[in-house]
PDB file of N, CA and C in Angstrom:
ATOM      1  N   MET A   1     -25.126 -50.172  51.809  1.00  0.00           N
ATOM      2  CA  MET A   1     -25.741 -49.227  52.720  1.00  0.00           C
ATOM      3  C   MET A   1     -24.786 -48.103  53.127  1.00  0.00           C
ATOM      4  N   GLU A   2     -23.584 -48.166  52.624  1.00  0.00           N
ATOM      5  CA  GLU A   2     -22.620 -47.119  52.946  1.00  0.00           C
ATOM      6  C   GLU A   2     -23.079 -45.765  52.414  1.00  0.00           C
ATOM      7  N   TYR A   3     -23.715 -45.763  51.252  1.00  0.00           N
ATOM      8  CA  TYR A   3     -24.172 -44.501  50.686  1.00  0.00           C
ATOM      9  C   TYR A   3     -25.302 -43.886  51.502  1.00  0.00           C
ATOM     10  N   MET A   4     -26.107 -44.687  52.194  1.00  0.00           N
ATOM     11  CA  MET A   4     -27.177 -44.146  53.056  1.00  0.00           C
ATOM     12  C   MET A   4     -26.573 -43.375  54.228  1.00  0.00           C
ATOM     13  N   ASN A   5     -25.510 -43.909  54.805  1.00  0.00           N
ATOM     14  CA  ASN A   5     -24.833 -43.199  55.888  1.00  0.00           C
ATOM     15  C   ASN A   5     -24.243 -41.884  55.383  1.00  0.00           C
ATOM     16  N   SER A   6     -23.711 -41.904  54.177  1.00  0.00           N
ATOM     17  CA  SER A   6     -23.150 -40.681  53.599  1.00  0.00           C
ATOM     18  C   SER A   6     -24.247 -39.641  53.365  1.00  0.00           C
ATOM     19  N   ILE A   7     -25.386 -40.083  52.862  1.00  0.00           N
ATOM     20  CA  ILE A   7     -26.508 -39.174  52.614  1.00  0.00           C
ATOM     21  C   ILE A   7     -27.025 -38.599  53.934  1.00  0.00           C
ATOM     22  N   GLN A   8     -27.160 -39.423  54.951  1.00  0.00           N
ATOM     23  CA  GLN A   8     -27.618 -38.947  56.256  1.00  0.00           C
ATOM     24  C   GLN A   8     -26.629 -37.955  56.854  1.00  0.00           C
ATOM     25  N   THR A   9     -25.358 -38.239  56.727  1.00  0.00           N
ATOM     26  CA  THR A   9     -24.331 -37.332  57.239  1.00  0.00           C
ATOM     27  C   THR A   9     -24.372 -36.008  56.492  1.00  0.00           C
ATOM     28  N   LEU A  10     -24.473 -36.073  55.178  1.00  0.00           N
ATOM     29  CA  LEU A  10     -24.545 -34.860  54.367  1.00  0.00           C
ATOM     30  C   LEU A  10     -25.781 -34.046  54.731  1.00  0.00           C
ATOM     31  N   TRP A  11     -26.925 -34.702  54.884  1.00  0.00           N
ATOM     32  CA  TRP A  11     -28.164 -34.001  55.248  1.00  0.00           C
ATOM     33  C   TRP A  11     -28.034 -33.330  56.622  1.00  0.00           C
ATOM     34  N   THR A  12     -27.413 -33.990  57.570  1.00  0.00           N
ATOM     35  CA  THR A  12     -27.203 -33.415  58.896  1.00  0.00           C
ATOM     36  C   THR A  12     -26.330 -32.168  58.810  1.00  0.00           C
ATOM     37  N   ILE A  13     -25.291 -32.226  58.026  1.00  0.00           N
ATOM     38  CA  ILE A  13     -24.398 -31.071  57.869  1.00  0.00           C
ATOM     39  C   ILE A  13     -25.131 -29.913  57.203  1.00  0.00           C
ATOM     40  N   VAL A  14     -25.904 -30.193  56.160  1.00  0.00           N
ATOM     41  CA  VAL A  14     -26.666 -29.144  55.467  1.00  0.00           C
ATOM     42  C   VAL A  14     -27.680 -28.513  56.417  1.00  0.00           C
ATOM     43  N   ALA A  15     -28.387 -29.325  57.182  1.00  0.00           N
ATOM     44  CA  ALA A  15     -29.382 -28.802  58.121  1.00  0.00           C
ATOM     45  C   ALA A  15     -28.707 -27.954  59.203  1.00  0.00           C
ATOM     46  N   PHE A  16     -27.557 -28.376  59.677  1.00  0.00           N
ATOM     47  CA  PHE A  16     -26.836 -27.611  60.699  1.00  0.00           C
ATOM     48  C   PHE A  16     -26.364 -26.271  60.143  1.00  0.00           C
ATOM     49  N   ILE A  17     -25.845 -26.273  58.931  1.00  0.00           N
ATOM     50  CA  ILE A  17     -25.405 -25.015  58.305  1.00  0.00           C
ATOM     51  C   ILE A  17     -26.594 -24.082  58.097  1.00  0.00           C
ATOM     52  N   LEU A  18     -27.718 -24.618  57.672  1.00  0.00           N
ATOM     53  CA  LEU A  18     -28.932 -23.823  57.514  1.00  0.00           C
ATOM     54  C   LEU A  18     -29.373 -23.230  58.842  1.00  0.00           C
ATOM     55  N   PHE A  19     -29.336 -24.013  59.896  1.00  0.00           N
ATOM     56  CA  PHE A  19     -29.695 -23.532  61.226  1.00  0.00           C
ATOM     57  C   PHE A  19     -28.780 -22.395  61.672  1.00  0.00           C
ATOM     58  N   ILE A  20     -27.502 -22.569  61.492  1.00  0.00           N
ATOM     59  CA  ILE A  20     -26.539 -21.525  61.866  1.00  0.00           C
ATOM     60  C   ILE A  20     -26.790 -20.263  61.040  1.00  0.00           C
ATOM     61  N   GLY A  21     -27.091 -20.424  59.759  1.00  0.00           N
ATOM     62  CA  GLY A  21     -27.396 -19.281  58.908  1.00  0.00           C
ATOM     63  C   GLY A  21     -28.619 -18.513  59.383  1.00  0.00           C
ATOM     64  N   ILE A  22     -29.655 -19.221  59.787  1.00  0.00           N
ATOM     65  CA  ILE A  22     -30.870 -18.568  60.297  1.00  0.00           C
ATOM     66  C   ILE A  22     -30.574 -17.830  61.598  1.00  0.00           C
ATOM     67  N   VAL A  23     -29.798 -18.435  62.480  1.00  0.00           N
ATOM     68  CA  VAL A  23     -29.441 -17.780  63.742  1.00  0.00           C
ATOM     69  C   VAL A  23     -28.649 -16.510  63.478  1.00  0.00           C
ATOM     70  N   ILE A  24     -27.699 -16.570  62.578  1.00  0.00           N
ATOM     71  CA  ILE A  24     -26.903 -15.380  62.255  1.00  0.00           C
ATOM     72  C   ILE A  24     -27.795 -14.303  61.645  1.00  0.00           C
ATOM     73  N   TRP A  25     -28.705 -14.695  60.745  1.00  0.00           N
ATOM     74  CA  TRP A  25     -29.619 -13.739  60.124  1.00  0.00           C
ATOM     75  C   TRP A  25     -30.508 -13.082  61.181  1.00  0.00           C
ATOM     76  N   ALA A  26     -31.049 -13.881  62.095  1.00  0.00           N
ATOM     77  CA  ALA A  26     -31.973 -13.355  63.106  1.00  0.00           C
ATOM     78  C   ALA A  26     -31.287 -12.409  64.083  1.00  0.00           C
ATOM     79  N   TRP A  27     -30.052 -12.685  64.421  1.00  0.00           N
ATOM     80  CA  TRP A  27     -29.338 -11.858  65.394  1.00  0.00           C
ATOM     81  C   TRP A  27     -28.485 -10.774  64.743  1.00  0.00           C
ATOM     82  N   SER A  28     -28.607 -10.633  63.434  1.00  0.00           N
ATOM     83  CA  SER A  28     -27.833  -9.620  62.718  1.00  0.00           C
ATOM     84  C   SER A  28     -28.266  -8.218  63.137  1.00  0.00           C
ATOM     85  N   SER A  29     -27.311  -7.325  63.267  1.00  0.00           N
ATOM     86  CA  SER A  29     -27.640  -5.955  63.657  1.00  0.00           C
ATOM     87  C   SER A  29     -28.417  -5.235  62.556  1.00  0.00           C
ATOM     88  N   LYS A  30     -28.311  -5.692  61.329  1.00  0.00           N
ATOM     89  CA  LYS A  30     -29.071  -5.098  60.232  1.00  0.00           C
ATOM     90  C   LYS A  30     -30.571  -5.344  60.386  1.00  0.00           C
ATOM     91  N   ARG A  31     -30.949  -6.404  61.057  1.00  0.00           N
ATOM     92  CA  ARG A  31     -32.353  -6.773  61.216  1.00  0.00           C
ATOM     93  C   ARG A  31     -32.979  -6.158  62.464  1.00  0.00           C
ATOM     94  N   HIS A  32     -32.197  -5.493  63.288  1.00  0.00           N
ATOM     95  CA  HIS A  32     -32.688  -4.975  64.561  1.00  0.00           C
ATOM     96  C   HIS A  32     -33.878  -4.037  64.371  1.00  0.00           C
ATOM     97  N   GLU A  33     -33.756  -3.086  63.465  1.00  0.00           N
ATOM     98  CA  GLU A  33     -34.832  -2.114  63.252  1.00  0.00           C
ATOM     99  C   GLU A  33     -36.085  -2.789  62.698  1.00  0.00           C
ATOM    100  N   GLU A  34     -35.897  -3.711  61.770  1.00  0.00           N
ATOM    101  CA  GLU A  34     -37.037  -4.419  61.181  1.00  0.00           C
ATOM    102  C   GLU A  34     -37.791  -5.224  62.245  1.00  0.00           C
ATOM    103  N   PHE A  35     -37.060  -5.920  63.098  1.00  0.00           N
ATOM    104  CA  PHE A  35     -37.696  -6.703  64.147  1.00  0.00           C
ATOM    105  C   PHE A  35     -38.329  -5.804  65.201  1.00  0.00           C
ATOM    106  N   HIS A  36     -37.725  -4.651  65.463  1.00  0.00           N
ATOM    107  CA  HIS A  36     -38.298  -3.713  66.418  1.00  0.00           C
ATOM    108  C   HIS A  36     -39.649  -3.207  65.918  1.00  0.00           C
ATOM    109  N   GLU A  37     -39.750  -2.916  64.636  1.00  0.00           N
ATOM    110  CA  GLU A  37     -41.030  -2.501  64.058  1.00  0.00           C
ATOM    111  C   GLU A  37     -42.054  -3.629  64.160  1.00  0.00           C
ATOM    112  N   ALA A  38     -41.632  -4.850  63.898  1.00  0.00           N
ATOM    113  CA  ALA A  38     -42.530  -5.997  63.969  1.00  0.00           C
ATOM    114  C   ALA A  38     -43.029  -6.227  65.399  1.00  0.00           C
ATOM    115  N   GLU A  39     -42.175  -5.957  66.391  1.00  0.00           N
ATOM    116  CA  GLU A  39     -42.580  -6.097  67.793  1.00  0.00           C
ATOM    117  C   GLU A  39     -43.759  -5.194  68.121  1.00  0.00           C
ATOM    118  N   ASN A  40     -43.766  -4.007  67.540  1.00  0.00           N
ATOM    119  CA  ASN A  40     -44.760  -3.001  67.902  1.00  0.00           C
ATOM    120  C   ASN A  40     -45.970  -2.971  66.976  1.00  0.00           C
ATOM    121  N   LEU A  41     -46.064  -3.872  66.030  1.00  0.00           N
ATOM    122  CA  LEU A  41     -47.201  -3.885  65.123  1.00  0.00           C
ATOM    123  C   LEU A  41     -48.522  -4.079  65.858  1.00  0.00           C
ATOM    124  N   ILE A  42     -48.530  -4.887  66.868  1.00  0.00           N
ATOM    125  CA  ILE A  42     -49.771  -5.176  67.579  1.00  0.00           C
ATOM    126  C   ILE A  42     -50.330  -3.941  68.273  1.00  0.00           C
ATOM    127  N   PHE A  43     -49.463  -3.059  68.705  1.00  0.00           N
ATOM    128  CA  PHE A  43     -49.925  -1.857  69.378  1.00  0.00           C
ATOM    129  C   PHE A  43     -50.540  -0.872  68.389  1.00  0.00           C
ATOM    130  N   GLY A  44     -50.072  -0.855  67.169  1.00  0.00           N
ATOM    131  CA  GLY A  44     -50.615   0.016  66.139  1.00  0.00           C
ATOM    132  C   GLY A  44     -52.015  -0.392  65.725  1.00  0.00           C
ATOM    133  N   GLU A  45     -52.335  -1.686  65.791  1.00  0.00           N
ATOM    134  CA  GLU A  45     -53.658  -2.165  65.409  1.00  0.00           C
ATOM    135  C   GLU A  45     -54.717  -1.660  66.364  1.00  0.00           C
ATOM    136  N   ASP A  46     -54.414  -1.540  67.649  1.00  0.00           N
ATOM    137  CA  ASP A  46     -55.384  -1.022  68.613  1.00  0.00           C
ATOM    138  C   ASP A  46     -55.778   0.402  68.278  1.00  0.00           C
ATOM    139  N   GLU A  47     -54.797   1.199  67.879  1.00  0.00           N
ATOM    140  CA  GLU A  47     -55.081   2.589  67.540  1.00  0.00           C
ATOM    141  C   GLU A  47     -55.979   2.670  66.319  1.00  0.00           C
ATOM    142  N   VAL A  48     -55.760   1.809  65.338  1.00  0.00           N
ATOM    143  CA  VAL A  48     -56.583   1.804  64.132  1.00  0.00           C
ATOM    144  C   VAL A  48     -58.007   1.398  64.480  1.00  0.00           C
ATOM    145  N   GLU A  49     -58.178   0.367  65.320  1.00  0.00           N
ATOM    146  CA  GLU A  49     -59.508  -0.072  65.716  1.00  0.00           C
ATOM    147  C   GLU A  49     -60.227   1.010  66.509  1.00  0.00           C
ATOM    148  N   GLN A  50     -59.545   1.689  67.405  1.00  0.00           N
ATOM    149  CA  GLN A  50     -60.159   2.749  68.190  1.00  0.00           C
ATOM    150  C   GLN A  50     -60.577   3.908  67.302  1.00  0.00           C
ATOM    151  N   THR A  51     -59.763   4.253  66.336  1.00  0.00           N
ATOM    152  CA  THR A  51     -60.102   5.319  65.405  1.00  0.00           C
ATOM    153  C   THR A  51     -61.333   4.933  64.598  1.00  0.00           C
ATOM    154  N   HIS A  52     -61.411   3.691  64.157  1.00  0.00           N
ATOM    155  CA  HIS A  52     -62.556   3.210  63.398  1.00  0.00           C
ATOM    156  C   HIS A  52     -63.825   3.262  64.257  1.00  0.00           C
ATOM    157  N   GLU A  53     -63.716   2.822  65.520  1.00  0.00           N
ATOM    158  CA  GLU A  53     -64.873   2.854  66.416  1.00  0.00           C
ATOM    159  C   GLU A  53     -65.309   4.290  66.693  1.00  0.00           C
ATOM    160  N   ASN A  54     -64.366   5.197  66.869  1.00  0.00           N
ATOM    161  CA  ASN A  54     -64.705   6.598  67.099  1.00  0.00           C
ATOM    162  C   ASN A  54     -65.407   7.197  65.887  1.00  0.00           C
ATOM    163  N   ASN A  55     -64.932   6.869  64.698  1.00  0.00           N
ATOM    164  CA  ASN A  55     -65.564   7.371  63.486  1.00  0.00           C
ATOM    165  C   ASN A  55     -66.978   6.825  63.348  1.00  0.00           C
ATOM    166  N   GLN A  56     -67.170   5.561  63.695  1.00  0.00           N
ATOM    167  CA  GLN A  56     -68.498   4.963  63.607  1.00  0.00           C
ATOM    168  C   GLN A  56     -69.455   5.602  64.601  1.00  0.00           C
ATOM    169  N   SER A  57     -68.980   5.878  65.817  1.00  0.00           N
ATOM    170  CA  SER A  57     -69.858   6.476  66.824  1.00  0.00           C
ATOM    171  C   SER A  57     -70.199   7.919  66.463  1.00  0.00           C
ATOM    172  N   LYS A  58     -69.298   8.621  65.813  1.00  0.00           N
ATOM    173  CA  LYS A  58     -69.585   9.983  65.380  1.00  0.00           C
ATOM    174  C   LYS A  58     -70.663  10.004  64.306  1.00  0.00           C
ATOM    175  N   LEU A  59     -70.674   8.966  63.483  1.00  0.00           N
ATOM    176  CA  LEU A  59     -71.660   8.871  62.414  1.00  0.00           C
ATOM    177  C   LEU A  59     -72.988   8.317  62.919  1.00  0.00           C
ATOM    178  N   GLY A  60     -73.028   7.849  64.141  1.00  0.00           N
ATOM    179  CA  GLY A  60     -74.258   7.306  64.702  1.00  0.00           C
ATOM    180  C   GLY A  60     -74.478   5.853  64.362  1.00  0.00           C
ATOM    181  N   ASN A  61     -73.536   5.226  63.735  1.00  0.00           N
ATOM    182  CA  ASN A  61     -73.646   3.828  63.347  1.00  0.00           C
ATOM    183  C   ASN A  61     -73.080   2.967  64.474  1.00  0.00           C
ATOM    184  N   LYS A  62     -73.926   2.173  65.107  1.00  0.00           N
ATOM    185  CA  LYS A  62     -73.500   1.379  66.254  1.00  0.00           C
ATOM    186  C   LYS A  62     -73.149  -0.057  65.874  1.00  0.00           C
ATOM    187  N   HIS A  63     -73.225  -0.408  64.615  1.00  0.00           N
ATOM    188  CA  HIS A  63     -72.924  -1.763  64.180  1.00  0.00           C
ATOM    189  C   HIS A  63     -71.417  -1.950  64.083  1.00  0.00           C
ATOM    190  N   HIS A  64     -70.974  -3.102  64.595  1.00  0.00           N
ATOM    191  CA  HIS A  64     -69.553  -3.430  64.530  1.00  0.00           C
ATOM    192  C   HIS A  64     -69.370  -4.480  63.453  1.00  0.00           C
ATOM    193  N   VAL A  65     -68.341  -4.325  62.688  1.00  0.00           N
ATOM    194  CA  VAL A  65     -68.068  -5.285  61.590  1.00  0.00           C
ATOM    195  C   VAL A  65     -67.079  -6.291  62.059  1.00  0.00           C
TER     196      VAL A  65
END
């Protein structure tokens, strides 16, 4: 059963290194602009929906899809 302990230890180390890698990637200054754009995506969808509704009302079509 000694090899099971070695495998568990190795898996824990790999998972910890992966976790640290994800944290470094997420907090990287290179990703700041990309994440900033992603933060504001929801606000852009409202404008698209409003534009679509305005176009539909101009055409006289009151049905919503």
